[in-house]
Amino acid sequence: MVDIHHIVSDGTSHTILADEFMQLYGNGVPLEPLFVQYKDFAQCKIDYRQRRGKNQEDYWLRLYAGEIPRLNLAADYKRPGPLPSRRSMPVPVGKRIRRKFKLLGARYGGTLYMNIMAR
């Protein structure tokens, strides 16, 4: 059994992988050596970024240099000012609930934050 997350393998890759597993383990036939290895692909991408990436970066930096204009769309109400920045929002929790969360963390090796977010 092979368990692969859907983000790692698409349908085509999954089919190729399954065929190669069957060839190796089902029939005992060795695979042909690959013409191109992943390291070759990675090096090609690095070379491309070094050659062309700088040109692309320069283009976008020139295009969006300066101040971005404000988009004034018709609205039904006055545009609000900037929202106040808050790092946290206090939520009152009783001592009994706090104690239960702490015990849960101690029992499973999680922090108070992890347990609150998981609930």
PDB file of N, CA and C in Angstrom:
ATOM      1  N   MET A   1       0.843  -1.173   0.000  1.00  0.00           N
ATOM      2  CA  MET A   1       0.000   0.000   0.000  1.00  0.00           C
ATOM      3  C   MET A   1       0.888   1.236   0.000  1.00  0.00           C
ATOM      4  N   VAL A   2       0.534   2.215  -0.812  1.00  0.00           N
ATOM      5  CA  VAL A   2       1.249   3.481  -0.870  1.00  0.00           C
ATOM      6  C   VAL A   2       0.234   4.581  -0.603  1.00  0.00           C
ATOM      7  N   ASP A   3       0.529   5.420   0.357  1.00  0.00           N
ATOM      8  CA  ASP A   3      -0.349   6.528   0.699  1.00  0.00           C
ATOM      9  C   ASP A   3       0.358   7.818   0.315  1.00  0.00           C
ATOM     10  N   ILE A   4      -0.176   8.537  -0.674  1.00  0.00           N
ATOM     11  CA  ILE A   4       0.438   9.772  -1.166  1.00  0.00           C
ATOM     12  C   ILE A   4      -0.592  10.887  -1.088  1.00  0.00           C
ATOM     13  N   HIS A   5      -0.203  11.997  -0.496  1.00  0.00           N
ATOM     14  CA  HIS A   5      -1.086  13.162  -0.425  1.00  0.00           C
ATOM     15  C   HIS A   5      -1.341  13.702  -1.830  1.00  0.00           C
ATOM     16  N   HIS A   6      -2.537  14.190  -2.076  1.00  0.00           N
ATOM     17  CA  HIS A   6      -2.908  14.654  -3.413  1.00  0.00           C
ATOM     18  C   HIS A   6      -2.053  15.818  -3.908  1.00  0.00           C
ATOM     19  N   ILE A   7      -1.409  16.552  -3.007  1.00  0.00           N
ATOM     20  CA  ILE A   7      -0.591  17.681  -3.443  1.00  0.00           C
ATOM     21  C   ILE A   7       0.766  17.213  -3.971  1.00  0.00           C
ATOM     22  N   VAL A   8       1.152  15.984  -3.653  1.00  0.00           N
ATOM     23  CA  VAL A   8       2.446  15.459  -4.072  1.00  0.00           C
ATOM     24  C   VAL A   8       2.371  14.821  -5.449  1.00  0.00           C
ATOM     25  N   SER A   9       1.241  14.247  -5.792  1.00  0.00           N
ATOM     26  CA  SER A   9       1.144  13.482  -7.025  1.00  0.00           C
ATOM     27  C   SER A   9      -0.162  13.792  -7.745  1.00  0.00           C
ATOM     28  N   ASP A  10      -0.067  14.074  -9.044  1.00  0.00           N
ATOM     29  CA  ASP A  10      -1.278  14.254  -9.844  1.00  0.00           C
ATOM     30  C   ASP A  10      -1.630  12.913 -10.490  1.00  0.00           C
ATOM     31  N   GLY A  11      -2.707  12.879 -11.257  1.00  0.00           N
ATOM     32  CA  GLY A  11      -3.168  11.631 -11.858  1.00  0.00           C
ATOM     33  C   GLY A  11      -2.134  10.997 -12.771  1.00  0.00           C
ATOM     34  N   THR A  12      -1.480  11.800 -13.600  1.00  0.00           N
ATOM     35  CA  THR A  12      -0.480  11.274 -14.531  1.00  0.00           C
ATOM     36  C   THR A  12       0.708  10.701 -13.765  1.00  0.00           C
ATOM     37  N   SER A  13       1.229  11.452 -12.801  1.00  0.00           N
ATOM     38  CA  SER A  13       2.372  10.988 -12.018  1.00  0.00           C
ATOM     39  C   SER A  13       2.025   9.736 -11.231  1.00  0.00           C
ATOM     40  N   HIS A  14       0.805   9.704 -10.692  1.00  0.00           N
ATOM     41  CA  HIS A  14       0.375   8.543  -9.919  1.00  0.00           C
ATOM     42  C   HIS A  14       0.326   7.293 -10.795  1.00  0.00           C
ATOM     43  N   THR A  15      -0.151   7.433 -12.021  1.00  0.00           N
ATOM     44  CA  THR A  15      -0.211   6.306 -12.953  1.00  0.00           C
ATOM     45  C   THR A  15       1.187   5.801 -13.286  1.00  0.00           C
ATOM     46  N   ILE A  16       2.112   6.721 -13.552  1.00  0.00           N
ATOM     47  CA  ILE A  16       3.499   6.338 -13.853  1.00  0.00           C
ATOM     48  C   ILE A  16       4.114   5.620 -12.655  1.00  0.00           C
ATOM     49  N   LEU A  17       3.910   6.170 -11.456  1.00  0.00           N
ATOM     50  CA  LEU A  17       4.450   5.566 -10.245  1.00  0.00           C
ATOM     51  C   LEU A  17       3.887   4.162 -10.041  1.00  0.00           C
ATOM     52  N   ALA A  18       2.591   3.996 -10.223  1.00  0.00           N
ATOM     53  CA  ALA A  18       1.966   2.681 -10.058  1.00  0.00           C
ATOM     54  C   ALA A  18       2.517   1.691 -11.081  1.00  0.00           C
ATOM     55  N   ASP A  19       2.667   2.115 -12.324  1.00  0.00           N
ATOM     56  CA  ASP A  19       3.228   1.236 -13.368  1.00  0.00           C
ATOM     57  C   ASP A  19       4.645   0.808 -13.020  1.00  0.00           C
ATOM     58  N   GLU A  20       5.457   1.753 -12.519  1.00  0.00           N
ATOM     59  CA  GLU A  20       6.839   1.423 -12.175  1.00  0.00           C
ATOM     60  C   GLU A  20       6.909   0.491 -10.970  1.00  0.00           C
ATOM     61  N   PHE A  21       6.022   0.681  -9.987  1.00  0.00           N
ATOM     62  CA  PHE A  21       5.970  -0.250  -8.864  1.00  0.00           C
ATOM     63  C   PHE A  21       5.624  -1.655  -9.340  1.00  0.00           C
ATOM     64  N   MET A  22       4.656  -1.739 -10.231  1.00  0.00           N
ATOM     65  CA  MET A  22       4.256  -3.049 -10.750  1.00  0.00           C
ATOM     66  C   MET A  22       5.406  -3.680 -11.528  1.00  0.00           C
ATOM     67  N   GLN A  23       6.132  -2.886 -12.294  1.00  0.00           N
ATOM     68  CA  GLN A  23       7.256  -3.406 -13.075  1.00  0.00           C
ATOM     69  C   GLN A  23       8.349  -3.923 -12.142  1.00  0.00           C
ATOM     70  N   LEU A  24       8.651  -3.161 -11.089  1.00  0.00           N
ATOM     71  CA  LEU A  24       9.711  -3.550 -10.156  1.00  0.00           C
ATOM     72  C   LEU A  24       9.304  -4.717  -9.250  1.00  0.00           C
ATOM     73  N   TYR A  25       8.191  -4.562  -8.556  1.00  0.00           N
ATOM     74  CA  TYR A  25       7.820  -5.530  -7.536  1.00  0.00           C
ATOM     75  C   TYR A  25       6.941  -6.654  -8.072  1.00  0.00           C
ATOM     76  N   GLY A  26       6.135  -6.370  -9.059  1.00  0.00           N
ATOM     77  CA  GLY A  26       5.245  -7.391  -9.596  1.00  0.00           C
ATOM     78  C   GLY A  26       5.956  -8.330 -10.552  1.00  0.00           C
ATOM     79  N   ASN A  27       6.775  -7.782 -11.435  1.00  0.00           N
ATOM     80  CA  ASN A  27       7.419  -8.581 -12.465  1.00  0.00           C
ATOM     81  C   ASN A  27       8.915  -8.753 -12.234  1.00  0.00           C
ATOM     82  N   GLY A  28       9.510  -7.992 -11.328  1.00  0.00           N
ATOM     83  CA  GLY A  28      10.935  -8.091 -11.058  1.00  0.00           C
ATOM     84  C   GLY A  28      11.808  -7.550 -12.170  1.00  0.00           C
ATOM     85  N   VAL A  29      11.250  -6.714 -13.031  1.00  0.00           N
ATOM     86  CA  VAL A  29      12.003  -6.154 -14.158  1.00  0.00           C
ATOM     87  C   VAL A  29      12.594  -4.819 -13.715  1.00  0.00           C
ATOM     88  N   PRO A  30      13.922  -4.629 -13.858  1.00  0.00           N
ATOM     89  CA  PRO A  30      14.512  -3.342 -13.446  1.00  0.00           C
ATOM     90  C   PRO A  30      14.075  -2.215 -14.376  1.00  0.00           C
ATOM     91  N   LEU A  31      14.040  -1.032 -13.814  1.00  0.00           N
ATOM     92  CA  LEU A  31      13.641   0.150 -14.585  1.00  0.00           C
ATOM     93  C   LEU A  31      14.802   0.634 -15.445  1.00  0.00           C
ATOM     94  N   GLU A  32      14.460   1.249 -16.566  1.00  0.00           N
ATOM     95  CA  GLU A  32      15.476   1.864 -17.421  1.00  0.00           C
ATOM     96  C   GLU A  32      16.060   3.067 -16.688  1.00  0.00           C
ATOM     97  N   PRO A  33      17.376   3.323 -16.834  1.00  0.00           N
ATOM     98  CA  PRO A  33      17.934   4.519 -16.204  1.00  0.00           C
ATOM     99  C   PRO A  33      17.293   5.787 -16.792  1.00  0.00           C
ATOM    100  N   LEU A  34      17.086   6.756 -15.945  1.00  0.00           N
ATOM    101  CA  LEU A  34      16.464   8.004 -16.391  1.00  0.00           C
ATOM    102  C   LEU A  34      17.464   8.844 -17.171  1.00  0.00           C
ATOM    103  N   PHE A  35      16.974   9.470 -18.222  1.00  0.00           N
ATOM    104  CA  PHE A  35      17.812  10.339 -19.037  1.00  0.00           C
ATOM    105  C   PHE A  35      18.155  11.612 -18.271  1.00  0.00           C
ATOM    106  N   VAL A  36      17.172  12.125 -17.553  1.00  0.00           N
ATOM    107  CA  VAL A  36      17.351  13.353 -16.778  1.00  0.00           C
ATOM    108  C   VAL A  36      16.970  13.058 -15.333  1.00  0.00           C
ATOM    109  N   GLN A  37      17.818  13.455 -14.412  1.00  0.00           N
ATOM    110  CA  GLN A  37      17.547  13.297 -12.993  1.00  0.00           C
ATOM    111  C   GLN A  37      16.924  14.584 -12.455  1.00  0.00           C
ATOM    112  N   TYR A  38      16.324  14.506 -11.282  1.00  0.00           N
ATOM    113  CA  TYR A  38      15.727  15.695 -10.683  1.00  0.00           C
ATOM    114  C   TYR A  38      16.778  16.771 -10.432  1.00  0.00           C
ATOM    115  N   LYS A  39      17.984  16.347 -10.058  1.00  0.00           N
ATOM    116  CA  LYS A  39      19.042  17.328  -9.802  1.00  0.00           C
ATOM    117  C   LYS A  39      19.350  18.139 -11.065  1.00  0.00           C
ATOM    118  N   ASP A  40      19.218  17.533 -12.251  1.00  0.00           N
ATOM    119  CA  ASP A  40      19.421  18.260 -13.503  1.00  0.00           C
ATOM    120  C   ASP A  40      18.335  19.319 -13.694  1.00  0.00           C
ATOM    121  N   PHE A  41      17.101  18.934 -13.407  1.00  0.00           N
ATOM    122  CA  PHE A  41      15.979  19.870 -13.498  1.00  0.00           C
ATOM    123  C   PHE A  41      16.174  21.033 -12.527  1.00  0.00           C
ATOM    124  N   ALA A  42      16.572  20.709 -11.286  1.00  0.00           N
ATOM    125  CA  ALA A  42      16.769  21.747 -10.276  1.00  0.00           C
ATOM    126  C   ALA A  42      17.876  22.711 -10.697  1.00  0.00           C
ATOM    127  N   GLN A  43      18.967  22.184 -11.235  1.00  0.00           N
ATOM    128  CA  GLN A  43      20.068  23.038 -11.676  1.00  0.00           C
ATOM    129  C   GLN A  43      19.623  23.933 -12.837  1.00  0.00           C
ATOM    130  N   CYS A  44      18.811  23.374 -13.723  1.00  0.00           N
ATOM    131  CA  CYS A  44      18.289  24.155 -14.852  1.00  0.00           C
ATOM    132  C   CYS A  44      17.445  25.327 -14.342  1.00  0.00           C
ATOM    133  N   LYS A  45      16.597  25.067 -13.333  1.00  0.00           N
ATOM    134  CA  LYS A  45      15.768  26.143 -12.766  1.00  0.00           C
ATOM    135  C   LYS A  45      16.633  27.209 -12.100  1.00  0.00           C
ATOM    136  N   ILE A  46      17.671  26.790 -11.403  1.00  0.00           N
ATOM    137  CA  ILE A  46      18.569  27.750 -10.749  1.00  0.00           C
ATOM    138  C   ILE A  46      19.257  28.616 -11.793  1.00  0.00           C
ATOM    139  N   ASP A  47      19.763  27.984 -12.856  1.00  0.00           N
ATOM    140  CA  ASP A  47      20.420  28.730 -13.936  1.00  0.00           C
ATOM    141  C   ASP A  47      19.457  29.715 -14.590  1.00  0.00           C
ATOM    142  N   TYR A  48      18.213  29.276 -14.815  1.00  0.00           N
ATOM    143  CA  TYR A  48      17.208  30.139 -15.438  1.00  0.00           C
ATOM    144  C   TYR A  48      16.943  31.362 -14.567  1.00  0.00           C
ATOM    145  N   ARG A  49      16.776  31.126 -13.275  1.00  0.00           N
ATOM    146  CA  ARG A  49      16.502  32.251 -12.368  1.00  0.00           C
ATOM    147  C   ARG A  49      17.657  33.236 -12.337  1.00  0.00           C
ATOM    148  N   GLN A  50      18.866  32.711 -12.400  1.00  0.00           N
ATOM    149  CA  GLN A  50      20.014  33.607 -12.365  1.00  0.00           C
ATOM    150  C   GLN A  50      20.101  34.430 -13.644  1.00  0.00           C
ATOM    151  N   ARG A  51      19.797  33.808 -14.782  1.00  0.00           N
ATOM    152  CA  ARG A  51      19.885  34.531 -16.060  1.00  0.00           C
ATOM    153  C   ARG A  51      18.694  35.443 -16.289  1.00  0.00           C
ATOM    154  N   ARG A  52      17.506  34.900 -16.150  1.00  0.00           N
ATOM    155  CA  ARG A  52      16.307  35.629 -16.538  1.00  0.00           C
ATOM    156  C   ARG A  52      15.560  36.233 -15.370  1.00  0.00           C
ATOM    157  N   GLY A  53      15.743  35.664 -14.204  1.00  0.00           N
ATOM    158  CA  GLY A  53      14.992  36.128 -13.045  1.00  0.00           C
ATOM    159  C   GLY A  53      15.268  37.570 -12.694  1.00  0.00           C
ATOM    160  N   LYS A  54      16.509  37.968 -12.827  1.00  0.00           N
ATOM    161  CA  LYS A  54      16.871  39.349 -12.503  1.00  0.00           C
ATOM    162  C   LYS A  54      16.158  40.320 -13.439  1.00  0.00           C
ATOM    163  N   ASN A  55      16.072  39.970 -14.730  1.00  0.00           N
ATOM    164  CA  ASN A  55      15.364  40.825 -15.683  1.00  0.00           C
ATOM    165  C   ASN A  55      13.889  40.949 -15.313  1.00  0.00           C
ATOM    166  N   GLN A  56      13.276  39.835 -14.932  1.00  0.00           N
ATOM    167  CA  GLN A  56      11.866  39.863 -14.542  1.00  0.00           C
ATOM    168  C   GLN A  56      11.667  40.712 -13.285  1.00  0.00           C
ATOM    169  N   GLU A  57      12.531  40.524 -12.319  1.00  0.00           N
ATOM    170  CA  GLU A  57      12.430  41.299 -11.077  1.00  0.00           C
ATOM    171  C   GLU A  57      12.545  42.789 -11.367  1.00  0.00           C
ATOM    172  N   ASP A  58      13.514  43.153 -12.180  1.00  0.00           N
ATOM    173  CA  ASP A  58      13.702  44.566 -12.532  1.00  0.00           C
ATOM    174  C   ASP A  58      12.469  45.122 -13.238  1.00  0.00           C
ATOM    175  N   TYR A  59      11.881  44.337 -14.141  1.00  0.00           N
ATOM    176  CA  TYR A  59      10.690  44.783 -14.860  1.00  0.00           C
ATOM    177  C   TYR A  59       9.559  45.110 -13.887  1.00  0.00           C
ATOM    178  N   TRP A  60       9.251  44.186 -12.973  1.00  0.00           N
ATOM    179  CA  TRP A  60       8.128  44.406 -12.062  1.00  0.00           C
ATOM    180  C   TRP A  60       8.417  45.530 -11.065  1.00  0.00           C
ATOM    181  N   LEU A  61       9.665  45.657 -10.647  1.00  0.00           N
ATOM    182  CA  LEU A  61      10.004  46.752  -9.745  1.00  0.00           C
ATOM    183  C   LEU A  61       9.849  48.102 -10.439  1.00  0.00           C
ATOM    184  N   ARG A  62      10.224  48.190 -11.712  1.00  0.00           N
ATOM    185  CA  ARG A  62      10.030  49.434 -12.473  1.00  0.00           C
ATOM    186  C   ARG A  62       8.549  49.711 -12.692  1.00  0.00           C
ATOM    187  N   LEU A  63       7.788  48.668 -13.011  1.00  0.00           N
ATOM    188  CA  LEU A  63       6.360  48.839 -13.293  1.00  0.00           C
ATOM    189  C   LEU A  63       5.602  49.374 -12.077  1.00  0.00           C
ATOM    190  N   TYR A  64       5.947  48.876 -10.905  1.00  0.00           N
ATOM    191  CA  TYR A  64       5.221  49.279  -9.708  1.00  0.00           C
ATOM    192  C   TYR A  64       6.028  50.203  -8.808  1.00  0.00           C
ATOM    193  N   ALA A  65       6.988  50.897  -9.368  1.00  0.00           N
ATOM    194  CA  ALA A  65       7.764  51.870  -8.588  1.00  0.00           C
ATOM    195  C   ALA A  65       6.872  53.069  -8.265  1.00  0.00           C
ATOM    196  N   GLY A  66       7.147  53.692  -7.171  1.00  0.00           N
ATOM    197  CA  GLY A  66       6.362  54.870  -6.792  1.00  0.00           C
ATOM    198  C   GLY A  66       5.132  54.483  -6.003  1.00  0.00           C
ATOM    199  N   GLU A  67       4.295  55.474  -5.799  1.00  0.00           N
ATOM    200  CA  GLU A  67       3.111  55.257  -4.995  1.00  0.00           C
ATOM    201  C   GLU A  67       1.995  54.641  -5.827  1.00  0.00           C
ATOM    202  N   ILE A  68       1.286  53.720  -5.230  1.00  0.00           N
ATOM    203  CA  ILE A  68       0.165  53.073  -5.913  1.00  0.00           C
ATOM    204  C   ILE A  68      -1.036  54.001  -5.810  1.00  0.00           C
ATOM    205  N   PRO A  69      -1.707  54.302  -6.939  1.00  0.00           N
ATOM    206  CA  PRO A  69      -2.835  55.225  -6.883  1.00  0.00           C
ATOM    207  C   PRO A  69      -4.026  54.606  -6.138  1.00  0.00           C
ATOM    208  N   ARG A  70      -4.750  55.474  -5.468  1.00  0.00           N
ATOM    209  CA  ARG A  70      -5.930  55.030  -4.729  1.00  0.00           C
ATOM    210  C   ARG A  70      -7.063  54.802  -5.715  1.00  0.00           C
ATOM    211  N   LEU A  71      -7.750  53.697  -5.564  1.00  0.00           N
ATOM    212  CA  LEU A  71      -8.867  53.365  -6.434  1.00  0.00           C
ATOM    213  C   LEU A  71     -10.139  53.927  -5.814  1.00  0.00           C
ATOM    214  N   ASN A  72     -10.683  54.949  -6.438  1.00  0.00           N
ATOM    215  CA  ASN A  72     -11.890  55.587  -5.916  1.00  0.00           C
ATOM    216  C   ASN A  72     -13.101  55.070  -6.684  1.00  0.00           C
ATOM    217  N   LEU A  73     -13.822  54.161  -6.068  1.00  0.00           N
ATOM    218  CA  LEU A  73     -15.035  53.623  -6.654  1.00  0.00           C
ATOM    219  C   LEU A  73     -16.241  54.283  -5.996  1.00  0.00           C
ATOM    220  N   ALA A  74     -17.329  54.373  -6.738  1.00  0.00           N
ATOM    221  CA  ALA A  74     -18.556  54.916  -6.169  1.00  0.00           C
ATOM    222  C   ALA A  74     -19.027  53.987  -5.051  1.00  0.00           C
ATOM    223  N   ALA A  75     -19.425  54.576  -3.942  1.00  0.00           N
ATOM    224  CA  ALA A  75     -19.859  53.776  -2.807  1.00  0.00           C
ATOM    225  C   ALA A  75     -21.163  54.329  -2.257  1.00  0.00           C
ATOM    226  N   ASP A  76     -21.874  53.491  -1.546  1.00  0.00           N
ATOM    227  CA  ASP A  76     -23.142  53.904  -0.937  1.00  0.00           C
ATOM    228  C   ASP A  76     -22.924  54.622   0.386  1.00  0.00           C
ATOM    229  N   TYR A  77     -21.719  54.569   0.908  1.00  0.00           N
ATOM    230  CA  TYR A  77     -21.442  55.176   2.204  1.00  0.00           C
ATOM    231  C   TYR A  77     -20.024  55.721   2.196  1.00  0.00           C
ATOM    232  N   LYS A  78     -19.728  56.527   3.204  1.00  0.00           N
ATOM    233  CA  LYS A  78     -18.407  57.124   3.300  1.00  0.00           C
ATOM    234  C   LYS A  78     -17.363  56.050   3.577  1.00  0.00           C
ATOM    235  N   ARG A  79     -16.243  56.152   2.906  1.00  0.00           N
ATOM    236  CA  ARG A  79     -15.154  55.193   3.089  1.00  0.00           C
ATOM    237  C   ARG A  79     -14.604  55.305   4.512  1.00  0.00           C
ATOM    238  N   PRO A  80     -14.492  54.166   5.228  1.00  0.00           N
ATOM    239  CA  PRO A  80     -13.974  54.236   6.604  1.00  0.00           C
ATOM    240  C   PRO A  80     -12.481  54.497   6.600  1.00  0.00           C
ATOM    241  N   GLY A  81     -12.007  55.032   7.700  1.00  0.00           N
ATOM    242  CA  GLY A  81     -10.570  55.252   7.856  1.00  0.00           C
ATOM    243  C   GLY A  81      -9.874  53.934   8.128  1.00  0.00           C
ATOM    244  N   PRO A  82      -8.581  53.973   8.364  1.00  0.00           N
ATOM    245  CA  PRO A  82      -7.843  52.739   8.653  1.00  0.00           C
ATOM    246  C   PRO A  82      -8.349  52.086   9.933  1.00  0.00           C
ATOM    247  N   LEU A  83      -8.406  50.777   9.926  1.00  0.00           N
ATOM    248  CA  LEU A  83      -8.863  50.047  11.104  1.00  0.00           C
ATOM    249  C   LEU A  83      -7.761  50.034  12.154  1.00  0.00           C
ATOM    250  N   PRO A  84      -8.138  50.072  13.409  1.00  0.00           N
ATOM    251  CA  PRO A  84      -7.115  50.018  14.459  1.00  0.00           C
ATOM    252  C   PRO A  84      -6.443  48.646  14.458  1.00  0.00           C
ATOM    253  N   SER A  85      -5.169  48.633  14.711  1.00  0.00           N
ATOM    254  CA  SER A  85      -4.414  47.384  14.734  1.00  0.00           C
ATOM    255  C   SER A  85      -4.483  46.782  16.126  1.00  0.00           C
ATOM    256  N   ARG A  86      -4.868  45.503  16.182  1.00  0.00           N
ATOM    257  CA  ARG A  86      -4.932  44.806  17.474  1.00  0.00           C
ATOM    258  C   ARG A  86      -4.144  43.524  17.345  1.00  0.00           C
ATOM    259  N   ARG A  87      -3.290  43.292  18.277  1.00  0.00           N
ATOM    260  CA  ARG A  87      -2.497  42.068  18.254  1.00  0.00           C
ATOM    261  C   ARG A  87      -3.274  40.897  18.834  1.00  0.00           C
ATOM    262  N   SER A  88      -4.196  41.177  19.727  1.00  0.00           N
ATOM    263  CA  SER A  88      -4.969  40.092  20.325  1.00  0.00           C
ATOM    264  C   SER A  88      -6.341  40.603  20.717  1.00  0.00           C
ATOM    265  N   MET A  89      -7.233  39.686  20.916  1.00  0.00           N
ATOM    266  CA  MET A  89      -8.574  40.035  21.353  1.00  0.00           C
ATOM    267  C   MET A  89      -8.866  39.230  22.605  1.00  0.00           C
ATOM    268  N   PRO A  90      -9.047  39.898  23.722  1.00  0.00           N
ATOM    269  CA  PRO A  90      -9.281  39.154  24.960  1.00  0.00           C
ATOM    270  C   PRO A  90     -10.624  38.426  24.926  1.00  0.00           C
ATOM    271  N   VAL A  91     -10.602  37.188  25.366  1.00  0.00           N
ATOM    272  CA  VAL A  91     -11.820  36.383  25.469  1.00  0.00           C
ATOM    273  C   VAL A  91     -11.871  35.862  26.900  1.00  0.00           C
ATOM    274  N   PRO A  92     -12.896  36.259  27.644  1.00  0.00           N
ATOM    275  CA  PRO A  92     -12.956  35.811  29.038  1.00  0.00           C
ATOM    276  C   PRO A  92     -13.223  34.304  29.106  1.00  0.00           C
ATOM    277  N   VAL A  93     -12.373  33.599  29.860  1.00  0.00           N
ATOM    278  CA  VAL A  93     -12.513  32.152  30.046  1.00  0.00           C
ATOM    279  C   VAL A  93     -12.417  31.888  31.533  1.00  0.00           C
ATOM    280  N   GLY A  94     -13.330  31.091  32.023  1.00  0.00           N
ATOM    281  CA  GLY A  94     -13.351  30.776  33.455  1.00  0.00           C
ATOM    282  C   GLY A  94     -12.165  29.919  33.879  1.00  0.00           C
ATOM    283  N   LYS A  95     -11.910  29.914  35.203  1.00  0.00           N
ATOM    284  CA  LYS A  95     -10.779  29.156  35.748  1.00  0.00           C
ATOM    285  C   LYS A  95     -10.915  27.663  35.454  1.00  0.00           C
ATOM    286  N   ARG A  96     -12.134  27.142  35.518  1.00  0.00           N
ATOM    287  CA  ARG A  96     -12.368  25.716  35.277  1.00  0.00           C
ATOM    288  C   ARG A  96     -11.985  25.322  33.848  1.00  0.00           C
ATOM    289  N   ILE A  97     -12.363  26.127  32.892  1.00  0.00           N
ATOM    290  CA  ILE A  97     -12.045  25.848  31.479  1.00  0.00           C
ATOM    291  C   ILE A  97     -10.545  25.975  31.251  1.00  0.00           C
ATOM    292  N   ARG A  98      -9.929  27.014  31.824  1.00  0.00           N
ATOM    293  CA  ARG A  98      -8.474  27.189  31.690  1.00  0.00           C
ATOM    294  C   ARG A  98      -7.731  25.978  32.241  1.00  0.00           C
ATOM    295  N   ARG A  99      -8.169  25.504  33.400  1.00  0.00           N
ATOM    296  CA  ARG A  99      -7.527  24.346  34.018  1.00  0.00           C
ATOM    297  C   ARG A  99      -7.668  23.111  33.119  1.00  0.00           C
ATOM    298  N   LYS A 100      -8.831  22.927  32.531  1.00  0.00           N
ATOM    299  CA  LYS A 100      -9.041  21.780  31.645  1.00  0.00           C
ATOM    300  C   LYS A 100      -8.139  21.853  30.413  1.00  0.00           C
ATOM    301  N   PHE A 101      -7.995  23.033  29.844  1.00  0.00           N
ATOM    302  CA  PHE A 101      -7.103  23.188  28.683  1.00  0.00           C
ATOM    303  C   PHE A 101      -5.649  22.895  29.069  1.00  0.00           C
ATOM    304  N   LYS A 102      -5.221  23.377  30.236  1.00  0.00           N
ATOM    305  CA  LYS A 102      -3.855  23.121  30.681  1.00  0.00           C
ATOM    306  C   LYS A 102      -3.619  21.634  30.936  1.00  0.00           C
ATOM    307  N   LEU A 103      -4.592  20.956  31.539  1.00  0.00           N
ATOM    308  CA  LEU A 103      -4.472  19.516  31.773  1.00  0.00           C
ATOM    309  C   LEU A 103      -4.417  18.750  30.455  1.00  0.00           C
ATOM    310  N   LEU A 104      -5.213  19.173  29.507  1.00  0.00           N
ATOM    311  CA  LEU A 104      -5.198  18.542  28.186  1.00  0.00           C
ATOM    312  C   LEU A 104      -3.820  18.694  27.544  1.00  0.00           C
ATOM    313  N   GLY A 105      -3.236  19.878  27.658  1.00  0.00           N
ATOM    314  CA  GLY A 105      -1.903  20.109  27.123  1.00  0.00           C
ATOM    315  C   GLY A 105      -0.863  19.248  27.810  1.00  0.00           C
ATOM    316  N   ALA A 106      -0.945  19.150  29.124  1.00  0.00           N
ATOM    317  CA  ALA A 106       0.010  18.334  29.875  1.00  0.00           C
ATOM    318  C   ALA A 106      -0.138  16.859  29.510  1.00  0.00           C
ATOM    319  N   ARG A 107      -1.350  16.439  29.296  1.00  0.00           N
ATOM    320  CA  ARG A 107      -1.614  15.026  28.979  1.00  0.00           C
ATOM    321  C   ARG A 107      -1.083  14.632  27.609  1.00  0.00           C
ATOM    322  N   TYR A 108      -1.241  15.505  26.608  1.00  0.00           N
ATOM    323  CA  TYR A 108      -0.857  15.163  25.244  1.00  0.00           C
ATOM    324  C   TYR A 108       0.389  15.894  24.751  1.00  0.00           C
ATOM    325  N   GLY A 109       1.036  16.660  25.608  1.00  0.00           N
ATOM    326  CA  GLY A 109       2.274  17.333  25.221  1.00  0.00           C
ATOM    327  C   GLY A 109       2.056  18.555  24.350  1.00  0.00           C
ATOM    328  N   GLY A 110       0.882  19.146  24.426  1.00  0.00           N
ATOM    329  CA  GLY A 110       0.606  20.347  23.636  1.00  0.00           C
ATOM    330  C   GLY A 110       0.629  21.586  24.508  1.00  0.00           C
ATOM    331  N   THR A 111       0.737  22.727  23.871  1.00  0.00           N
ATOM    332  CA  THR A 111       0.704  23.978  24.619  1.00  0.00           C
ATOM    333  C   THR A 111      -0.740  24.423  24.783  1.00  0.00           C
ATOM    334  N   LEU A 112      -0.944  25.378  25.641  1.00  0.00           N
ATOM    335  CA  LEU A 112      -2.282  25.928  25.843  1.00  0.00           C
ATOM    336  C   LEU A 112      -2.812  26.493  24.526  1.00  0.00           C
ATOM    337  N   TYR A 113      -1.963  27.208  23.796  1.00  0.00           N
ATOM    338  CA  TYR A 113      -2.366  27.781  22.523  1.00  0.00           C
ATOM    339  C   TYR A 113      -2.800  26.694  21.533  1.00  0.00           C
ATOM    340  N   MET A 114      -2.008  25.613  21.437  1.00  0.00           N
ATOM    341  CA  MET A 114      -2.344  24.528  20.518  1.00  0.00           C
ATOM    342  C   MET A 114      -3.704  23.921  20.858  1.00  0.00           C
ATOM    343  N   ASN A 115      -3.969  23.726  22.116  1.00  0.00           N
ATOM    344  CA  ASN A 115      -5.229  23.103  22.522  1.00  0.00           C
ATOM    345  C   ASN A 115      -6.426  24.028  22.283  1.00  0.00           C
ATOM    346  N   ILE A 116      -6.246  25.305  22.524  1.00  0.00           N
ATOM    347  CA  ILE A 116      -7.347  26.238  22.282  1.00  0.00           C
ATOM    348  C   ILE A 116      -7.643  26.299  20.784  1.00  0.00           C
ATOM    349  N   MET A 117      -6.611  26.343  19.954  1.00  0.00           N
ATOM    350  CA  MET A 117      -6.809  26.425  18.515  1.00  0.00           C
ATOM    351  C   MET A 117      -7.393  25.128  17.951  1.00  0.00           C
ATOM    352  N   ALA A 118      -7.073  23.994  18.557  1.00  0.00           N
ATOM    353  CA  ALA A 118      -7.565  22.703  18.075  1.00  0.00           C
ATOM    354  C   ALA A 118      -9.009  22.481  18.459  1.00  0.00           C
ATOM    355  N   ARG A 119      -9.480  23.118  19.475  1.00  0.00           N
ATOM    356  CA  ARG A 119     -10.859  22.917  19.925  1.00  0.00           C
ATOM    357  C   ARG A 119     -11.729  23.630  18.995  1.00  0.00           C
TER     358      ARG A 119
END
